[in-house]
Amino acid sequence: MNKKLIFFFIITIVIFSYIFNVDRFIKNQVSTLNNSITNTYLNIIVTTQEFINKYINQLNYIEQLLKQNEDYLQYKIKYNQLLSSNEKIIDQDLVKQKIKLQKISVLKYDRLNDFSKIVLTKKEDDNKTINALITYSGYSAGIAMHIDDMFIGYLNNNSKCNYAVYIGNSKATGITSGVAKNGNLVIKFIPLWQEVNVGDEVVTSGMDDIFPVGIKVGTVKKIKSTENTKIVYVQTYIDPLKETKFLLF
């Protein structure tokens, strides 16, 4: 065989081998570049989507907070309106009796082991020795008086909180005398011949010159007869221990 032909054949094989290797190399490089571009694109898309979702979620959360804040503001406005309305109702209801009411607040407990005895802010000067405490919602809460240069309140729960009441349509008379173990208000000294029934409403009688007549107290839950009088147990409309402000009569 001619040496030139053999040489040409070898050169041709080398050239084709080189060409195919270069092509494979280029394909590999292109494939790698394509994968890199694809991954980068996907990362950008995912990151952008996460940012958008996070931003939208934050906007939704902020919108929810604003809505809640608006609702709370509406509740506060309605509460203040209701409180103001209650004060007006009390004033209008008692104006017929020419009653002047003072606003008064609780300063502290007189003793930490007795929540039914409280120290109140000073009252305006008047001639009454014992004043009535009425809640802003218009219910009886207790009595108040000056003791040792302090204005002390005895709430319904205190055995020293004594004022006159009417019971039911018969207007049976009695005196409040603190509370029983179950928390019901005790009313004593009801004459045996006076009719009282479970469910009767109890209101102040005004006969003691402490409360005005007709301030609501509660309803009769139990009746007990003793040798000389009757005792009734009353579920009061409010718990005065939870009140911090009163109207003073």
C-alpha atoms as a PDB file:
ATOM      1  CA  MET A   1       0.000   0.000   0.000  1.00  0.00           C
ATOM      2  CA  ASN A   2       1.175   3.410  -0.825  1.00  0.00           C
ATOM      3  CA  LYS A   3       2.583   5.224   2.189  1.00  0.00           C
ATOM      4  CA  LYS A   4       0.862   8.455   1.147  1.00  0.00           C
ATOM      5  CA  LEU A   5      -2.509   6.717   1.079  1.00  0.00           C
ATOM      6  CA  ILE A   6      -1.967   5.295   4.544  1.00  0.00           C
ATOM      7  CA  PHE A   7      -0.904   8.670   5.869  1.00  0.00           C
ATOM      8  CA  PHE A   8      -3.964  10.323   4.329  1.00  0.00           C
ATOM      9  CA  PHE A   9      -6.206   7.685   5.868  1.00  0.00           C
ATOM     10  CA  ILE A  10      -4.749   8.227   9.331  1.00  0.00           C
ATOM     11  CA  ILE A  11      -5.028  12.021   9.040  1.00  0.00           C
ATOM     12  CA  THR A  12      -8.664  11.669   7.972  1.00  0.00           C
ATOM     13  CA  ILE A  13      -9.480   9.476  10.999  1.00  0.00           C
ATOM     14  CA  VAL A  14      -7.803  11.973  13.359  1.00  0.00           C
ATOM     15  CA  ILE A  15      -9.664  14.894  11.819  1.00  0.00           C
ATOM     16  CA  PHE A  16     -13.067  13.167  12.055  1.00  0.00           C
ATOM     17  CA  SER A  17     -12.337  12.059  15.614  1.00  0.00           C
ATOM     18  CA  TYR A  18     -11.467  15.616  16.573  1.00  0.00           C
ATOM     19  CA  ILE A  19     -14.562  16.976  14.874  1.00  0.00           C
ATOM     20  CA  PHE A  20     -16.856  14.556  16.757  1.00  0.00           C
ATOM     21  CA  ASN A  21     -15.159  15.280  20.113  1.00  0.00           C
ATOM     22  CA  VAL A  22     -15.487  18.995  19.559  1.00  0.00           C
ATOM     23  CA  ASP A  23     -19.155  18.564  18.708  1.00  0.00           C
ATOM     24  CA  ARG A  24     -19.753  16.510  21.847  1.00  0.00           C
ATOM     25  CA  PHE A  25     -17.885  19.118  23.900  1.00  0.00           C
ATOM     26  CA  ILE A  26     -19.970  21.896  22.419  1.00  0.00           C
ATOM     27  CA  LYS A  27     -23.159  19.941  23.103  1.00  0.00           C
ATOM     28  CA  ASN A  28     -22.085  19.362  26.692  1.00  0.00           C
ATOM     29  CA  GLN A  29     -21.277  23.027  27.166  1.00  0.00           C
ATOM     30  CA  VAL A  30     -24.521  24.125  25.599  1.00  0.00           C
ATOM     31  CA  SER A  31     -26.431  21.631  27.748  1.00  0.00           C
ATOM     32  CA  THR A  32     -24.705  22.875  30.900  1.00  0.00           C
ATOM     33  CA  LEU A  33     -25.373  26.483  29.954  1.00  0.00           C
ATOM     34  CA  ASN A  34     -28.988  25.676  29.185  1.00  0.00           C
ATOM     35  CA  ASN A  35     -29.431  23.932  32.559  1.00  0.00           C
ATOM     36  CA  SER A  36     -27.839  26.875  34.334  1.00  0.00           C
ATOM     37  CA  ILE A  37     -30.132  29.341  32.564  1.00  0.00           C
ATOM     38  CA  THR A  38     -33.161  27.159  33.299  1.00  0.00           C
ATOM     39  CA  ASN A  39     -32.281  26.856  37.002  1.00  0.00           C
ATOM     40  CA  THR A  40     -31.649  30.579  37.256  1.00  0.00           C
ATOM     41  CA  TYR A  41     -34.973  31.311  35.559  1.00  0.00           C
ATOM     42  CA  LEU A  42     -36.844  28.936  37.851  1.00  0.00           C
ATOM     43  CA  ASN A  43     -35.156  30.409  40.929  1.00  0.00           C
ATOM     44  CA  ILE A  44     -36.142  33.916  39.839  1.00  0.00           C
ATOM     45  CA  ILE A  45     -39.746  32.803  39.213  1.00  0.00           C
ATOM     46  CA  VAL A  46     -40.000  31.010  42.579  1.00  0.00           C
ATOM     47  CA  THR A  47     -38.415  33.903  44.500  1.00  0.00           C
ATOM     48  CA  THR A  48     -40.669  36.419  42.784  1.00  0.00           C
ATOM     49  CA  GLN A  49     -43.753  34.321  43.497  1.00  0.00           C
ATOM     50  CA  GLU A  50     -42.772  33.923  47.161  1.00  0.00           C
ATOM     51  CA  PHE A  51     -42.224  37.687  47.456  1.00  0.00           C
ATOM     52  CA  ILE A  52     -45.593  38.404  45.845  1.00  0.00           C
ATOM     53  CA  ASN A  53     -47.366  35.899  48.085  1.00  0.00           C
ATOM     54  CA  LYS A  54     -45.653  37.277  51.168  1.00  0.00           C
ATOM     55  CA  TYR A  55     -46.489  40.852  50.177  1.00  0.00           C
ATOM     56  CA  ILE A  56     -50.115  39.985  49.416  1.00  0.00           C
ATOM     57  CA  ASN A  57     -50.418  38.051  52.692  1.00  0.00           C
ATOM     58  CA  GLN A  58     -49.015  41.020  54.595  1.00  0.00           C
ATOM     59  CA  LEU A  59     -51.485  43.325  52.860  1.00  0.00           C
ATOM     60  CA  ASN A  60     -54.330  40.968  53.745  1.00  0.00           C
ATOM     61  CA  TYR A  61     -53.132  40.773  57.368  1.00  0.00           C
ATOM     62  CA  ILE A  62     -52.826  44.565  57.590  1.00  0.00           C
ATOM     63  CA  GLU A  63     -56.314  44.876  56.112  1.00  0.00           C
ATOM     64  CA  GLN A  64     -57.639  42.421  58.729  1.00  0.00           C
ATOM     65  CA  LEU A  65     -55.983  44.391  61.537  1.00  0.00           C
ATOM     66  CA  LEU A  66     -57.451  47.646  60.219  1.00  0.00           C
ATOM     67  CA  LYS A  67     -60.889  46.011  60.057  1.00  0.00           C
ATOM     68  CA  GLN A  68     -60.539  44.687  63.618  1.00  0.00           C
ATOM     69  CA  ASN A  69     -59.386  48.090  64.824  1.00  0.00           C
ATOM     70  CA  GLU A  70     -62.395  49.680  63.134  1.00  0.00           C
ATOM     71  CA  ASP A  71     -64.702  47.130  64.782  1.00  0.00           C
ATOM     72  CA  TYR A  72     -63.143  47.758  68.210  1.00  0.00           C
ATOM     73  CA  LEU A  73     -63.575  51.488  67.701  1.00  0.00           C
ATOM     74  CA  GLN A  74     -67.240  50.975  66.834  1.00  0.00           C
ATOM     75  CA  TYR A  75     -67.724  48.836  69.948  1.00  0.00           C
ATOM     76  CA  LYS A  76     -66.063  51.513  72.077  1.00  0.00           C
ATOM     77  CA  ILE A  77     -68.273  54.223  70.580  1.00  0.00           C
ATOM     78  CA  LYS A  78     -71.385  52.097  71.175  1.00  0.00           C
ATOM     79  CA  TYR A  79     -70.250  51.363  74.751  1.00  0.00           C
ATOM     80  CA  ASN A  80     -69.705  55.055  75.476  1.00  0.00           C
ATOM     81  CA  GLN A  81     -73.061  55.868  73.914  1.00  0.00           C
ATOM     82  CA  LEU A  82     -74.728  53.190  76.027  1.00  0.00           C
ATOM     83  CA  LEU A  83     -73.008  54.445  79.173  1.00  0.00           C
ATOM     84  CA  SER A  84     -74.071  57.993  78.391  1.00  0.00           C
ATOM     85  CA  SER A  85     -77.585  56.757  77.607  1.00  0.00           C
ATOM     86  CA  ASN A  86     -77.788  54.927  80.945  1.00  0.00           C
ATOM     87  CA  GLU A  87     -76.789  58.078  82.804  1.00  0.00           C
ATOM     88  CA  LYS A  88     -79.460  60.045  80.924  1.00  0.00           C
ATOM     89  CA  ILE A  89     -82.079  57.374  81.644  1.00  0.00           C
ATOM     90  CA  ILE A  90     -81.282  57.498  85.342  1.00  0.00           C
ATOM     91  CA  ASP A  91     -81.375  61.287  85.373  1.00  0.00           C
ATOM     92  CA  GLN A  92     -84.646  61.365  83.429  1.00  0.00           C
ATOM     93  CA  ASP A  93     -86.230  58.640  85.573  1.00  0.00           C
ATOM     94  CA  LEU A  94     -85.347  60.371  88.818  1.00  0.00           C
ATOM     95  CA  VAL A  95     -85.854  63.966  87.750  1.00  0.00           C
ATOM     96  CA  LYS A  96     -89.544  63.588  88.597  1.00  0.00           C
ATOM     97  CA  GLN A  97     -88.493  63.049  92.203  1.00  0.00           C
ATOM     98  CA  LYS A  98     -86.251  66.140  92.001  1.00  0.00           C
ATOM     99  CA  ILE A  99     -83.218  64.005  92.757  1.00  0.00           C
ATOM    100  CA  LYS A 100     -79.702  65.311  92.340  1.00  0.00           C
ATOM    101  CA  LEU A 101     -77.036  62.658  91.698  1.00  0.00           C
ATOM    102  CA  GLN A 102     -73.289  63.043  92.122  1.00  0.00           C
ATOM    103  CA  LYS A 103     -70.668  60.982  90.314  1.00  0.00           C
ATOM    104  CA  ILE A 104     -68.272  59.256  92.661  1.00  0.00           C
ATOM    105  CA  SER A 105     -65.417  56.753  92.209  1.00  0.00           C
ATOM    106  CA  VAL A 106     -63.786  53.971  94.200  1.00  0.00           C
ATOM    107  CA  LEU A 107     -60.301  54.807  95.487  1.00  0.00           C
ATOM    108  CA  LYS A 108     -59.388  51.544  97.185  1.00  0.00           C
ATOM    109  CA  TYR A 109     -60.584  48.801  99.516  1.00  0.00           C
ATOM    110  CA  ASP A 110     -60.758  49.827 103.133  1.00  0.00           C
ATOM    111  CA  ARG A 111     -59.280  46.440 104.065  1.00  0.00           C
ATOM    112  CA  LEU A 112     -57.761  43.925 101.665  1.00  0.00           C
ATOM    113  CA  ASN A 113     -59.714  41.072 103.256  1.00  0.00           C
ATOM    114  CA  ASP A 114     -63.082  42.826 102.856  1.00  0.00           C
ATOM    115  CA  PHE A 115     -64.009  43.768  99.288  1.00  0.00           C
ATOM    116  CA  SER A 116     -67.466  44.956 100.346  1.00  0.00           C
ATOM    117  CA  LYS A 117     -66.094  47.967 102.223  1.00  0.00           C
ATOM    118  CA  ILE A 118     -64.531  50.630 100.007  1.00  0.00           C
ATOM    119  CA  VAL A 119     -63.017  54.104 100.222  1.00  0.00           C
ATOM    120  CA  LEU A 120     -64.662  56.614  97.889  1.00  0.00           C
ATOM    121  CA  THR A 121     -63.697  60.006  96.511  1.00  0.00           C
ATOM    122  CA  LYS A 122     -65.019  62.949  98.499  1.00  0.00           C
ATOM    123  CA  LYS A 123     -68.593  63.996  97.920  1.00  0.00           C
ATOM    124  CA  GLU A 124     -70.043  67.438  97.555  1.00  0.00           C
ATOM    125  CA  ASP A 125     -71.281  68.887 100.823  1.00  0.00           C
ATOM    126  CA  ASP A 126     -74.876  68.006 101.687  1.00  0.00           C
ATOM    127  CA  ASN A 127     -76.898  67.491 104.826  1.00  0.00           C
ATOM    128  CA  LYS A 128     -77.319  63.721 104.507  1.00  0.00           C
ATOM    129  CA  THR A 129     -75.632  61.498 107.083  1.00  0.00           C
ATOM    130  CA  ILE A 130     -75.979  58.354 104.951  1.00  0.00           C
ATOM    131  CA  ASN A 131     -75.953  58.430 101.151  1.00  0.00           C
ATOM    132  CA  ALA A 132     -77.166  55.859  98.638  1.00  0.00           C
ATOM    133  CA  LEU A 133     -74.872  54.298  96.053  1.00  0.00           C
ATOM    134  CA  ILE A 134     -76.502  53.630  92.681  1.00  0.00           C
ATOM    135  CA  THR A 135     -74.800  51.995  89.678  1.00  0.00           C
ATOM    136  CA  TYR A 136     -74.639  53.751  86.315  1.00  0.00           C
ATOM    137  CA  SER A 137     -77.104  51.106  85.067  1.00  0.00           C
ATOM    138  CA  GLY A 138     -79.616  52.295  87.692  1.00  0.00           C
ATOM    139  CA  TYR A 139     -79.493  49.570  90.369  1.00  0.00           C
ATOM    140  CA  SER A 140     -78.908  49.794  94.103  1.00  0.00           C
ATOM    141  CA  ALA A 141     -75.322  49.073  95.143  1.00  0.00           C
ATOM    142  CA  GLY A 142     -75.000  50.050  98.814  1.00  0.00           C
ATOM    143  CA  ILE A 143     -74.668  52.972 101.154  1.00  0.00           C
ATOM    144  CA  ALA A 144     -71.921  55.489 101.975  1.00  0.00           C
ATOM    145  CA  MET A 145     -71.035  57.645 104.978  1.00  0.00           C
ATOM    146  CA  HIS A 146     -68.185  59.641 106.513  1.00  0.00           C
ATOM    147  CA  ILE A 147     -66.030  57.682 108.955  1.00  0.00           C
ATOM    148  CA  ASP A 148     -62.796  59.113 110.419  1.00  0.00           C
ATOM    149  CA  ASP A 149     -62.341  61.747 107.707  1.00  0.00           C
ATOM    150  CA  MET A 150     -62.893  59.172 104.951  1.00  0.00           C
ATOM    151  CA  PHE A 151     -65.937  58.597 102.783  1.00  0.00           C
ATOM    152  CA  ILE A 152     -66.668  54.883 103.194  1.00  0.00           C
ATOM    153  CA  GLY A 153     -68.970  52.753 101.086  1.00  0.00           C
ATOM    154  CA  TYR A 154     -70.694  49.616 102.376  1.00  0.00           C
ATOM    155  CA  LEU A 155     -71.817  47.591  99.373  1.00  0.00           C
ATOM    156  CA  ASN A 156     -74.830  45.269  99.361  1.00  0.00           C
ATOM    157  CA  ASN A 157     -72.558  42.343 100.289  1.00  0.00           C
ATOM    158  CA  ASN A 158     -71.690  43.977 103.629  1.00  0.00           C
ATOM    159  CA  SER A 159     -73.814  43.170 106.703  1.00  0.00           C
ATOM    160  CA  LYS A 160     -73.660  46.868 107.682  1.00  0.00           C
ATOM    161  CA  CYS A 161     -75.370  47.862 104.441  1.00  0.00           C
ATOM    162  CA  ASN A 162     -78.922  48.342 105.702  1.00  0.00           C
ATOM    163  CA  TYR A 163     -81.680  50.149 103.835  1.00  0.00           C
ATOM    164  CA  ALA A 164     -85.441  49.812 103.455  1.00  0.00           C
ATOM    165  CA  VAL A 165     -87.088  47.982 100.549  1.00  0.00           C
ATOM    166  CA  TYR A 166     -90.465  47.049  99.121  1.00  0.00           C
ATOM    167  CA  ILE A 167     -91.108  43.463  98.004  1.00  0.00           C
ATOM    168  CA  GLY A 168     -93.564  42.627  95.217  1.00  0.00           C
ATOM    169  CA  ASN A 169     -96.907  44.190  94.371  1.00  0.00           C
ATOM    170  CA  SER A 170     -97.980  43.965  98.017  1.00  0.00           C
ATOM    171  CA  LYS A 171     -95.086  46.277  98.929  1.00  0.00           C
ATOM    172  CA  ALA A 172     -94.063  44.107 101.846  1.00  0.00           C
ATOM    173  CA  THR A 173     -91.432  45.958 103.875  1.00  0.00           C
ATOM    174  CA  GLY A 174     -87.978  44.725 104.850  1.00  0.00           C
ATOM    175  CA  ILE A 175     -84.379  45.725 105.568  1.00  0.00           C
ATOM    176  CA  THR A 176     -81.297  44.550 103.638  1.00  0.00           C
ATOM    177  CA  SER A 177     -78.767  42.697 105.810  1.00  0.00           C
ATOM    178  CA  GLY A 178     -75.752  41.566 103.793  1.00  0.00           C
ATOM    179  CA  VAL A 179     -75.557  38.330 101.814  1.00  0.00           C
ATOM    180  CA  ALA A 180     -75.924  34.620 102.487  1.00  0.00           C
ATOM    181  CA  LYS A 181     -73.236  32.032 101.720  1.00  0.00           C
ATOM    182  CA  ASN A 182     -74.649  31.500  98.228  1.00  0.00           C
ATOM    183  CA  GLY A 183     -74.284  35.219  97.479  1.00  0.00           C
ATOM    184  CA  ASN A 184     -77.993  36.065  97.630  1.00  0.00           C
ATOM    185  CA  LEU A 185     -78.940  39.325  99.339  1.00  0.00           C
ATOM    186  CA  VAL A 186     -80.680  38.761 102.682  1.00  0.00           C
ATOM    187  CA  ILE A 187     -83.726  40.856 103.590  1.00  0.00           C
ATOM    188  CA  LYS A 188     -84.947  40.607 107.168  1.00  0.00           C
ATOM    189  CA  PHE A 189     -87.708  41.975 109.443  1.00  0.00           C
ATOM    190  CA  ILE A 190     -90.584  41.291 107.058  1.00  0.00           C
ATOM    191  CA  PRO A 191     -93.841  41.045 109.064  1.00  0.00           C
ATOM    192  CA  LEU A 192     -95.412  37.572 108.945  1.00  0.00           C
ATOM    193  CA  TRP A 193     -98.754  38.898 107.764  1.00  0.00           C
ATOM    194  CA  GLN A 194     -97.248  40.601 104.683  1.00  0.00           C
ATOM    195  CA  GLU A 195     -97.421  38.557 101.466  1.00  0.00           C
ATOM    196  CA  VAL A 196     -94.204  37.760  99.608  1.00  0.00           C
ATOM    197  CA  ASN A 197     -93.664  35.304  96.748  1.00  0.00           C
ATOM    198  CA  VAL A 198     -90.755  33.793  94.876  1.00  0.00           C
ATOM    199  CA  GLY A 199     -90.132  35.921  91.793  1.00  0.00           C
ATOM    200  CA  ASP A 200     -91.287  39.167  93.409  1.00  0.00           C
ATOM    201  CA  GLU A 201     -89.213  42.181  92.467  1.00  0.00           C
ATOM    202  CA  VAL A 202     -87.455  44.084  95.233  1.00  0.00           C
ATOM    203  CA  VAL A 203     -87.039  47.873  95.032  1.00  0.00           C
ATOM    204  CA  THR A 204     -85.960  50.570  97.470  1.00  0.00           C
ATOM    205  CA  SER A 205     -88.836  52.077  99.446  1.00  0.00           C
ATOM    206  CA  GLY A 206     -87.304  55.457 100.285  1.00  0.00           C
ATOM    207  CA  MET A 207     -88.776  55.171 103.796  1.00  0.00           C
ATOM    208  CA  ASP A 208     -85.329  55.424 105.383  1.00  0.00           C
ATOM    209  CA  ASP A 209     -84.371  58.678 103.616  1.00  0.00           C
ATOM    210  CA  ILE A 210     -81.313  56.921 102.167  1.00  0.00           C
ATOM    211  CA  PHE A 211     -82.456  55.774  98.717  1.00  0.00           C
ATOM    212  CA  PRO A 212     -85.068  57.368  96.516  1.00  0.00           C
ATOM    213  CA  VAL A 213     -88.125  55.180  96.045  1.00  0.00           C
ATOM    214  CA  GLY A 214     -88.151  52.614  93.244  1.00  0.00           C
ATOM    215  CA  ILE A 215     -84.458  51.823  92.682  1.00  0.00           C
ATOM    216  CA  LYS A 216     -84.329  48.175  91.597  1.00  0.00           C
ATOM    217  CA  VAL A 217     -82.512  45.637  93.774  1.00  0.00           C
ATOM    218  CA  GLY A 218     -83.320  42.132  92.505  1.00  0.00           C
ATOM    219  CA  THR A 219     -85.852  39.276  92.598  1.00  0.00           C
ATOM    220  CA  VAL A 220     -86.887  36.923  95.413  1.00  0.00           C
ATOM    221  CA  LYS A 221     -85.423  33.417  95.118  1.00  0.00           C
ATOM    222  CA  LYS A 222     -86.261  31.911  98.514  1.00  0.00           C
ATOM    223  CA  ILE A 223     -88.539  32.656 101.485  1.00  0.00           C
ATOM    224  CA  LYS A 224     -88.009  31.562 105.069  1.00  0.00           C
ATOM    225  CA  SER A 225     -90.445  32.075 107.940  1.00  0.00           C
ATOM    226  CA  THR A 226     -89.188  32.478 111.511  1.00  0.00           C
ATOM    227  CA  GLU A 227     -91.150  32.721 114.741  1.00  0.00           C
ATOM    228  CA  ASN A 228     -91.864  36.437 114.403  1.00  0.00           C
ATOM    229  CA  THR A 229     -90.859  37.548 110.871  1.00  0.00           C
ATOM    230  CA  LYS A 230     -90.053  36.400 107.361  1.00  0.00           C
ATOM    231  CA  ILE A 231     -86.656  36.392 105.679  1.00  0.00           C
ATOM    232  CA  VAL A 232     -86.229  36.453 101.909  1.00  0.00           C
ATOM    233  CA  TYR A 233     -83.166  35.744  99.805  1.00  0.00           C
ATOM    234  CA  VAL A 234     -82.775  37.909  96.731  1.00  0.00           C
ATOM    235  CA  GLN A 235     -80.754  37.478  93.555  1.00  0.00           C
ATOM    236  CA  THR A 236     -79.523  41.006  92.846  1.00  0.00           C
ATOM    237  CA  TYR A 237     -79.457  42.452  89.339  1.00  0.00           C
ATOM    238  CA  ILE A 238     -75.794  43.461  89.598  1.00  0.00           C
ATOM    239  CA  ASP A 239     -72.680  42.576  91.577  1.00  0.00           C
ATOM    240  CA  PRO A 240     -71.526  45.864  93.152  1.00  0.00           C
ATOM    241  CA  LEU A 241     -68.080  44.371  93.851  1.00  0.00           C
ATOM    242  CA  LYS A 242     -67.352  44.669  90.127  1.00  0.00           C
ATOM    243  CA  GLU A 243     -68.226  48.377  89.955  1.00  0.00           C
ATOM    244  CA  THR A 244     -65.648  51.183  90.178  1.00  0.00           C
ATOM    245  CA  LYS A 245     -67.930  54.182  89.704  1.00  0.00           C
ATOM    246  CA  PHE A 246     -71.268  55.043  91.263  1.00  0.00           C
ATOM    247  CA  LEU A 247     -73.917  57.718  91.385  1.00  0.00           C
ATOM    248  CA  LEU A 248     -74.395  59.164  94.845  1.00  0.00           C
ATOM    249  CA  PHE A 249     -77.792  60.211  96.199  1.00  0.00           C
END
